[in-house]
Each structure stands twice: as C-alpha cells, then as structure tokens.
C-alpha cells in the first residue's frame, strides 16, 4: 500500500475526507481563479457544501455571478469529488 492510499483510507475511516477536500478548495482558490480575483477576495470559507466568498469589487462580484456554474465545476474537478454545490458571493 502506498502512502497516498494509506492517507486516503485514513481520511475515509475517520470521516475527514469532506473536510480535507473543502480545505483544499479554499487553499487553491487563488490558483484556480487567478490573481486578479484572489487579490480582491477578503474572506473565503465552506459550510454545508456552499462556498462563501467575500469580494471587495462589485464589478468582479457581478462577473463571477454570471459564471458561477463554471466556477463550481472547476472547483469540483480540482477536488476530484462533489464538494461544492453552490457559491454565495458576499
């Protein structure tokens, strides 16, 4: 058994896989969305399969609202599982 397999098994046994995936999405937000959006993001967290993002710029917030489904798809592809079902822009 490889180390990767052992860690994946441990996460499943202790029911931490969902939390681990949520943390990964928050961590990789700047990489996925780019520096322009990441620099204007002041707060980001996940609760009950919803990603809450506070954006400083109203213009960027409106642009992100228009492509919300694409962002959800990108985030879930990155995580390799259905982690986010909705995004709330604050």
Protein backbone atom coordinates (compact mmCIF):
# COMPACT_ATOMS: atom_id res chain seq x y z
CA UNK A 1 0.00 0.00 0.00
CA UNK A 2 1.38 3.38 -0.98
CA UNK A 3 1.44 6.36 1.35
CA UNK A 4 -1.21 8.10 -0.77
CA UNK A 5 -3.54 5.12 -0.49
CA UNK A 6 -2.94 4.89 3.26
CA UNK A 7 -3.77 8.58 3.77
CA UNK A 8 -6.91 8.27 1.62
CA UNK A 9 -8.02 5.24 3.62
CA UNK A 10 -7.37 7.03 6.91
CA UNK A 11 -9.38 10.07 5.79
CA UNK A 12 -12.30 7.82 4.86
CA UNK A 13 -12.16 5.79 8.08
CA UNK A 14 -12.16 8.89 10.28
CA UNK A 15 -14.71 10.64 8.03
CA UNK A 16 -12.37 13.56 7.33
CA UNK A 17 -12.35 13.35 3.54
CA UNK A 18 -15.06 16.01 3.09
CA UNK A 19 -13.30 18.48 5.38
CA UNK A 20 -9.98 17.77 3.68
CA UNK A 21 -11.50 18.47 0.24
CA UNK A 22 -13.12 21.70 1.49
CA UNK A 23 -9.80 22.91 2.88
CA UNK A 24 -8.13 22.12 -0.44
CA UNK A 25 -10.65 24.24 -2.33
CA UNK A 26 -10.08 27.21 -0.04
CA UNK A 27 -6.31 26.78 -0.34
CA UNK A 28 -6.35 26.56 -4.13
CA UNK A 29 -8.82 29.44 -4.71
CA UNK A 30 -6.06 31.88 -5.87
CA UNK A 31 -4.61 29.27 -8.23
CA UNK A 32 -7.99 28.37 -9.74
CA UNK A 33 -9.40 31.89 -10.04
CA UNK A 34 -6.24 33.84 -10.80
CA UNK A 35 -4.53 36.70 -9.03
CA UNK A 36 -7.00 39.44 -10.06
CA UNK A 37 -9.87 37.72 -8.24
CA UNK A 38 -7.72 36.36 -5.41
CA UNK A 39 -6.35 39.81 -4.58
CA UNK A 40 -9.90 41.14 -4.17
CA UNK A 41 -11.08 38.16 -2.09
CA UNK A 42 -11.07 39.08 1.58
CA UNK A 43 -12.78 36.04 3.11
CA UNK A 44 -13.49 32.52 1.89
CA UNK A 45 -14.93 29.51 3.69
CA UNK A 46 -17.07 26.41 3.11
CA UNK A 47 -20.18 25.48 5.07
CA UNK A 48 -22.70 22.74 4.19
CA UNK A 49 -21.35 22.31 0.64
CA UNK A 50 -21.65 26.06 -0.02
CA UNK A 51 -18.63 28.20 -0.72
CA UNK A 52 -18.89 31.68 0.79
CA UNK A 53 -16.64 34.29 -0.82
CA UNK A 54 -16.38 37.94 0.17
CA UNK A 55 -15.28 40.04 -2.81
CA UNK A 56 -14.29 43.72 -2.45
CA UNK A 57 -15.12 44.71 -6.02
CA UNK A 58 -18.78 44.89 -7.08
CA UNK A 59 -17.77 44.60 -10.74
CA UNK A 60 -15.85 41.38 -10.20
CA UNK A 61 -18.64 40.03 -7.99
CA UNK A 62 -21.16 40.55 -10.81
CA UNK A 63 -18.86 38.90 -13.34
CA UNK A 64 -18.38 35.90 -11.06
CA UNK A 65 -22.14 35.59 -10.56
CA UNK A 66 -22.57 35.19 -14.32
CA UNK A 67 -20.11 32.27 -14.48
CA UNK A 68 -20.97 30.70 -11.12
CA UNK A 69 -21.80 27.25 -12.52
CA UNK A 70 -18.48 27.12 -14.37
CA UNK A 71 -16.61 28.02 -11.19
CA UNK A 72 -18.42 25.28 -9.26
CA UNK A 73 -17.50 22.78 -11.96
CA UNK A 74 -13.82 23.85 -11.92
CA UNK A 75 -13.61 23.63 -8.13
CA UNK A 76 -15.17 20.17 -8.03
CA UNK A 77 -12.91 18.93 -10.83
CA UNK A 78 -9.91 20.17 -8.88
CA UNK A 79 -11.11 18.38 -5.74
CA UNK A 80 -12.00 15.22 -7.65
CA UNK A 81 -15.37 14.98 -5.92
CA UNK A 82 -18.63 16.86 -5.44
CA UNK A 83 -17.53 19.22 -2.68
CA UNK A 84 -19.28 22.47 -3.65
CA UNK A 85 -22.91 22.66 -4.71
CA UNK A 86 -23.38 26.45 -4.54
CA UNK A 87 -21.37 29.65 -4.22
CA UNK A 88 -22.52 32.67 -2.25
CA UNK A 89 -20.76 35.93 -3.04
CA UNK A 90 -20.82 38.30 -0.08
